[in-house]
């Protein structure tokens, strides 16, 4: 997860599709791709906003993010933390 400004629009004349672009989108994608299964990973700036909104966070620490270098990332604490999947 990430937050910030994006560019949004519809592309394509024959088959129009809505899409979003920008650094915010790219970093959100990287949070997903370098995260851990079953956990919500967020950037430091997003963690600050979530903490102010009452969410609990766990600092993952320095994390290498392709194209961005090393960022401090956080996991959002959920009721499912520490529970194994039952499937």
N, C-alpha and C. Protein backbone atom coordinates (compact mmCIF):
# COMPACT_ATOMS: atom_id res chain seq x y z
N UNK A 1 0.84 -1.18 0.00
CA UNK A 1 0.00 0.00 0.00
C UNK A 1 0.88 1.24 0.00
N UNK A 2 0.35 2.28 -0.62
CA UNK A 2 1.04 3.57 -0.66
C UNK A 2 -0.01 4.64 -0.85
N UNK A 3 0.37 5.86 -0.68
CA UNK A 3 -0.55 6.98 -0.92
C UNK A 3 0.19 8.09 -1.63
N UNK A 4 -0.55 8.95 -2.30
CA UNK A 4 0.06 10.09 -2.97
C UNK A 4 -0.62 10.41 -4.27
N UNK A 5 -0.07 11.38 -4.98
CA UNK A 5 -0.69 11.82 -6.24
C UNK A 5 -0.48 10.80 -7.36
N UNK A 6 -1.47 10.71 -8.23
CA UNK A 6 -1.38 9.85 -9.41
C UNK A 6 -1.94 10.60 -10.61
N UNK A 7 -1.59 10.12 -11.78
CA UNK A 7 -2.21 10.59 -13.01
C UNK A 7 -3.18 9.48 -13.42
N UNK A 8 -4.41 9.85 -13.71
CA UNK A 8 -5.43 8.87 -14.07
C UNK A 8 -6.09 9.26 -15.37
N UNK A 9 -6.50 8.27 -16.13
CA UNK A 9 -7.18 8.57 -17.37
C UNK A 9 -7.61 7.32 -18.10
N UNK A 10 -8.30 7.57 -19.19
CA UNK A 10 -8.77 6.49 -20.06
C UNK A 10 -7.90 6.47 -21.30
N UNK A 11 -7.40 5.30 -21.65
CA UNK A 11 -6.56 5.14 -22.84
C UNK A 11 -7.20 4.12 -23.78
N UNK A 12 -6.99 4.32 -25.06
CA UNK A 12 -7.48 3.38 -26.06
C UNK A 12 -8.76 3.84 -26.71
N UNK A 13 -8.78 3.85 -28.04
CA UNK A 13 -9.97 4.27 -28.78
C UNK A 13 -10.91 3.09 -29.03
N UNK A 14 -10.36 1.95 -29.41
CA UNK A 14 -11.18 0.78 -29.73
C UNK A 14 -11.72 0.09 -28.47
N UNK A 15 -10.86 0.01 -27.47
CA UNK A 15 -11.25 -0.65 -26.21
C UNK A 15 -10.75 0.23 -25.06
N UNK A 16 -11.49 1.27 -24.71
CA UNK A 16 -11.05 2.20 -23.66
C UNK A 16 -10.86 1.50 -22.31
N UNK A 17 -9.77 1.84 -21.65
CA UNK A 17 -9.50 1.29 -20.32
C UNK A 17 -9.02 2.41 -19.40
N UNK A 18 -9.53 2.39 -18.18
CA UNK A 18 -9.12 3.35 -17.16
C UNK A 18 -7.84 2.83 -16.53
N UNK A 19 -6.87 3.72 -16.30
CA UNK A 19 -5.61 3.30 -15.70
C UNK A 19 -5.05 4.45 -14.86
N UNK A 20 -4.10 4.13 -14.01
CA UNK A 20 -3.41 5.14 -13.20
C UNK A 20 -1.91 4.96 -13.37
N UNK A 21 -1.16 6.09 -13.28
CA UNK A 21 0.29 6.07 -13.47
C UNK A 21 0.95 6.98 -12.45
N UNK A 22 2.24 6.79 -12.27
CA UNK A 22 3.03 7.69 -11.45
C UNK A 22 3.86 6.97 -10.41
N UNK A 23 4.72 7.73 -9.74
CA UNK A 23 5.60 7.19 -8.72
C UNK A 23 4.82 6.51 -7.60
N UNK A 24 3.70 7.10 -7.21
CA UNK A 24 2.88 6.53 -6.14
C UNK A 24 2.44 5.11 -6.50
N UNK A 25 2.02 4.93 -7.74
CA UNK A 25 1.57 3.62 -8.21
C UNK A 25 2.75 2.64 -8.26
N UNK A 26 3.89 3.11 -8.75
CA UNK A 26 5.07 2.25 -8.85
C UNK A 26 5.52 1.77 -7.47
N UNK A 27 5.56 2.67 -6.50
CA UNK A 27 5.99 2.28 -5.15
C UNK A 27 4.97 1.32 -4.53
N UNK A 28 3.68 1.55 -4.74
CA UNK A 28 2.66 0.63 -4.23
C UNK A 28 2.87 -0.77 -4.81
N UNK A 29 3.18 -0.83 -6.08
CA UNK A 29 3.45 -2.12 -6.72
C UNK A 29 4.66 -2.80 -6.10
N UNK A 30 5.69 -2.02 -5.81
CA UNK A 30 6.90 -2.58 -5.18
C UNK A 30 6.61 -3.04 -3.76
N UNK A 31 5.74 -2.34 -3.02
CA UNK A 31 5.37 -2.78 -1.68
C UNK A 31 4.73 -4.15 -1.74
N UNK A 32 3.96 -4.38 -2.80
CA UNK A 32 3.33 -5.68 -2.99
C UNK A 32 4.35 -6.74 -3.36
N UNK A 33 5.20 -6.44 -4.33
CA UNK A 33 6.12 -7.45 -4.85
C UNK A 33 7.25 -7.83 -3.89
N UNK A 34 7.63 -6.93 -2.98
CA UNK A 34 8.71 -7.28 -2.04
C UNK A 34 8.16 -7.52 -0.63
N UNK A 35 6.85 -7.65 -0.52
CA UNK A 35 6.23 -7.90 0.77
C UNK A 35 6.26 -9.37 1.16
N UNK A 36 5.49 -9.71 2.17
CA UNK A 36 5.38 -11.09 2.63
C UNK A 36 3.94 -11.55 2.49
N UNK A 37 3.77 -12.81 2.16
CA UNK A 37 2.44 -13.38 1.97
C UNK A 37 1.56 -13.14 3.19
N UNK A 38 0.36 -12.63 2.96
CA UNK A 38 -0.60 -12.44 4.03
C UNK A 38 -0.40 -11.21 4.89
N UNK A 39 0.53 -10.33 4.49
CA UNK A 39 0.79 -9.13 5.29
C UNK A 39 0.65 -7.89 4.42
N UNK A 40 0.23 -6.79 5.02
CA UNK A 40 0.10 -5.52 4.33
C UNK A 40 1.33 -4.68 4.61
N UNK A 41 2.14 -4.46 3.60
CA UNK A 41 3.37 -3.68 3.74
C UNK A 41 3.13 -2.26 3.23
N UNK A 42 3.59 -1.28 3.98
CA UNK A 42 3.39 0.12 3.60
C UNK A 42 4.70 0.88 3.72
N UNK A 43 4.75 2.02 3.05
CA UNK A 43 5.91 2.91 3.13
C UNK A 43 5.89 3.65 4.47
N UNK A 44 7.00 4.29 4.79
CA UNK A 44 7.10 5.03 6.05
C UNK A 44 6.10 6.17 6.11
N UNK A 45 5.93 6.91 5.02
CA UNK A 45 4.97 8.02 5.01
C UNK A 45 3.54 7.52 5.21
N UNK A 46 3.20 6.42 4.57
CA UNK A 46 1.86 5.85 4.72
C UNK A 46 1.68 5.32 6.14
N UNK A 47 2.73 4.75 6.71
CA UNK A 47 2.67 4.25 8.09
C UNK A 47 2.34 5.37 9.07
N UNK A 48 2.92 6.54 8.86
CA UNK A 48 2.64 7.69 9.74
C UNK A 48 1.17 8.07 9.70
N UNK A 49 0.60 8.09 8.51
CA UNK A 49 -0.82 8.43 8.36
C UNK A 49 -1.70 7.38 9.03
N UNK A 50 -1.38 6.11 8.81
CA UNK A 50 -2.17 5.03 9.41
C UNK A 50 -2.06 5.04 10.93
N UNK A 51 -0.87 5.31 11.45
CA UNK A 51 -0.69 5.36 12.90
C UNK A 51 -1.54 6.48 13.50
N UNK A 52 -1.56 7.64 12.84
CA UNK A 52 -2.39 8.75 13.31
C UNK A 52 -3.88 8.43 13.24
N UNK A 53 -4.25 7.48 12.38
CA UNK A 53 -5.65 7.06 12.24
C UNK A 53 -6.00 5.92 13.20
N UNK A 54 -5.03 5.50 14.04
CA UNK A 54 -5.29 4.49 15.05
C UNK A 54 -4.86 3.08 14.72
N UNK A 55 -4.21 2.88 13.59
CA UNK A 55 -3.73 1.54 13.24
C UNK A 55 -2.44 1.23 13.97
N UNK A 56 -2.23 -0.06 14.25
CA UNK A 56 -0.97 -0.51 14.83
C UNK A 56 -0.08 -0.99 13.70
N UNK A 57 1.22 -0.67 13.80
CA UNK A 57 2.17 -1.06 12.76
C UNK A 57 3.37 -1.74 13.37
N UNK A 58 3.99 -2.59 12.57
CA UNK A 58 5.21 -3.29 12.97
C UNK A 58 6.30 -2.86 12.00
N UNK A 59 7.38 -2.30 12.51
CA UNK A 59 8.47 -1.86 11.64
C UNK A 59 9.18 -3.08 11.07
N UNK A 60 9.20 -3.18 9.76
CA UNK A 60 9.95 -4.26 9.11
C UNK A 60 11.42 -3.89 9.05
N UNK A 61 11.70 -2.60 8.98
CA UNK A 61 13.07 -2.13 8.90
C UNK A 61 13.47 -1.82 7.48
N UNK A 62 14.78 -1.69 7.25
CA UNK A 62 15.26 -1.36 5.91
C UNK A 62 14.93 -2.49 4.93
N UNK A 63 14.32 -2.12 3.82
CA UNK A 63 13.91 -3.08 2.81
C UNK A 63 14.36 -2.58 1.45
N UNK A 64 15.04 -3.44 0.69
CA UNK A 64 15.46 -3.04 -0.65
C UNK A 64 14.24 -3.04 -1.57
N UNK A 65 14.02 -1.91 -2.23
CA UNK A 65 12.90 -1.76 -3.15
C UNK A 65 13.47 -1.44 -4.52
N UNK A 66 13.26 -2.34 -5.47
CA UNK A 66 13.81 -2.18 -6.82
C UNK A 66 13.43 -0.82 -7.41
N UNK A 67 14.44 -0.12 -7.89
CA UNK A 67 14.23 1.19 -8.50
C UNK A 67 14.15 2.33 -7.51
N UNK A 68 14.12 2.03 -6.21
CA UNK A 68 14.00 3.06 -5.18
C UNK A 68 15.12 3.00 -4.15
N UNK A 69 15.83 1.88 -4.08
CA UNK A 69 16.87 1.72 -3.09
C UNK A 69 16.32 1.12 -1.81
N UNK A 70 16.92 1.47 -0.70
CA UNK A 70 16.50 0.93 0.59
C UNK A 70 15.52 1.90 1.26
N UNK A 71 14.34 1.38 1.59
CA UNK A 71 13.30 2.17 2.27
C UNK A 71 12.95 1.49 3.59
N UNK A 72 12.58 2.27 4.58
CA UNK A 72 12.06 1.71 5.81
C UNK A 72 10.59 1.40 5.57
N UNK A 73 10.21 0.15 5.75
CA UNK A 73 8.82 -0.24 5.52
C UNK A 73 8.21 -0.80 6.79
N UNK A 74 6.89 -0.86 6.78
CA UNK A 74 6.12 -1.31 7.94
C UNK A 74 5.06 -2.30 7.51
N UNK A 75 4.67 -3.17 8.44
CA UNK A 75 3.52 -4.04 8.23
C UNK A 75 2.38 -3.49 9.07
N UNK A 76 1.18 -3.49 8.48
CA UNK A 76 -0.01 -3.09 9.22
C UNK A 76 -0.45 -4.28 10.05
N UNK A 77 -0.60 -4.08 11.35
CA UNK A 77 -1.01 -5.17 12.23
C UNK A 77 -2.50 -5.45 12.01
N UNK A 78 -2.82 -6.74 11.83
CA UNK A 78 -4.21 -7.15 11.59
C UNK A 78 -4.60 -8.24 12.58
N UNK A 79 -5.89 -8.53 12.69
CA UNK A 79 -6.33 -9.61 13.58
C UNK A 79 -5.81 -10.98 13.14
N UNK A 80 -5.31 -11.08 11.91
CA UNK A 80 -4.86 -12.37 11.38
C UNK A 80 -3.37 -12.62 11.60
N UNK A 81 -2.63 -11.65 12.13
CA UNK A 81 -1.19 -11.83 12.35
C UNK A 81 -0.95 -13.02 13.27
N UNK A 82 -0.03 -13.89 12.84
CA UNK A 82 0.34 -15.04 13.66
C UNK A 82 -0.54 -16.25 13.48
N UNK A 83 -1.59 -16.13 12.66
CA UNK A 83 -2.47 -17.27 12.43
C UNK A 83 -2.10 -17.91 11.10
N UNK A 84 -2.15 -19.23 11.08
CA UNK A 84 -1.83 -19.95 9.84
C UNK A 84 -3.09 -20.08 9.00
N UNK A 85 -2.90 -20.17 7.69
CA UNK A 85 -4.02 -20.42 6.79
C UNK A 85 -4.59 -21.80 7.06
N UNK A 86 -5.88 -21.91 6.93
CA UNK A 86 -6.53 -23.20 7.17
C UNK A 86 -6.96 -23.88 5.87
N UNK A 87 -6.26 -23.57 4.76
CA UNK A 87 -6.58 -24.29 3.54
C UNK A 87 -5.42 -25.01 3.00
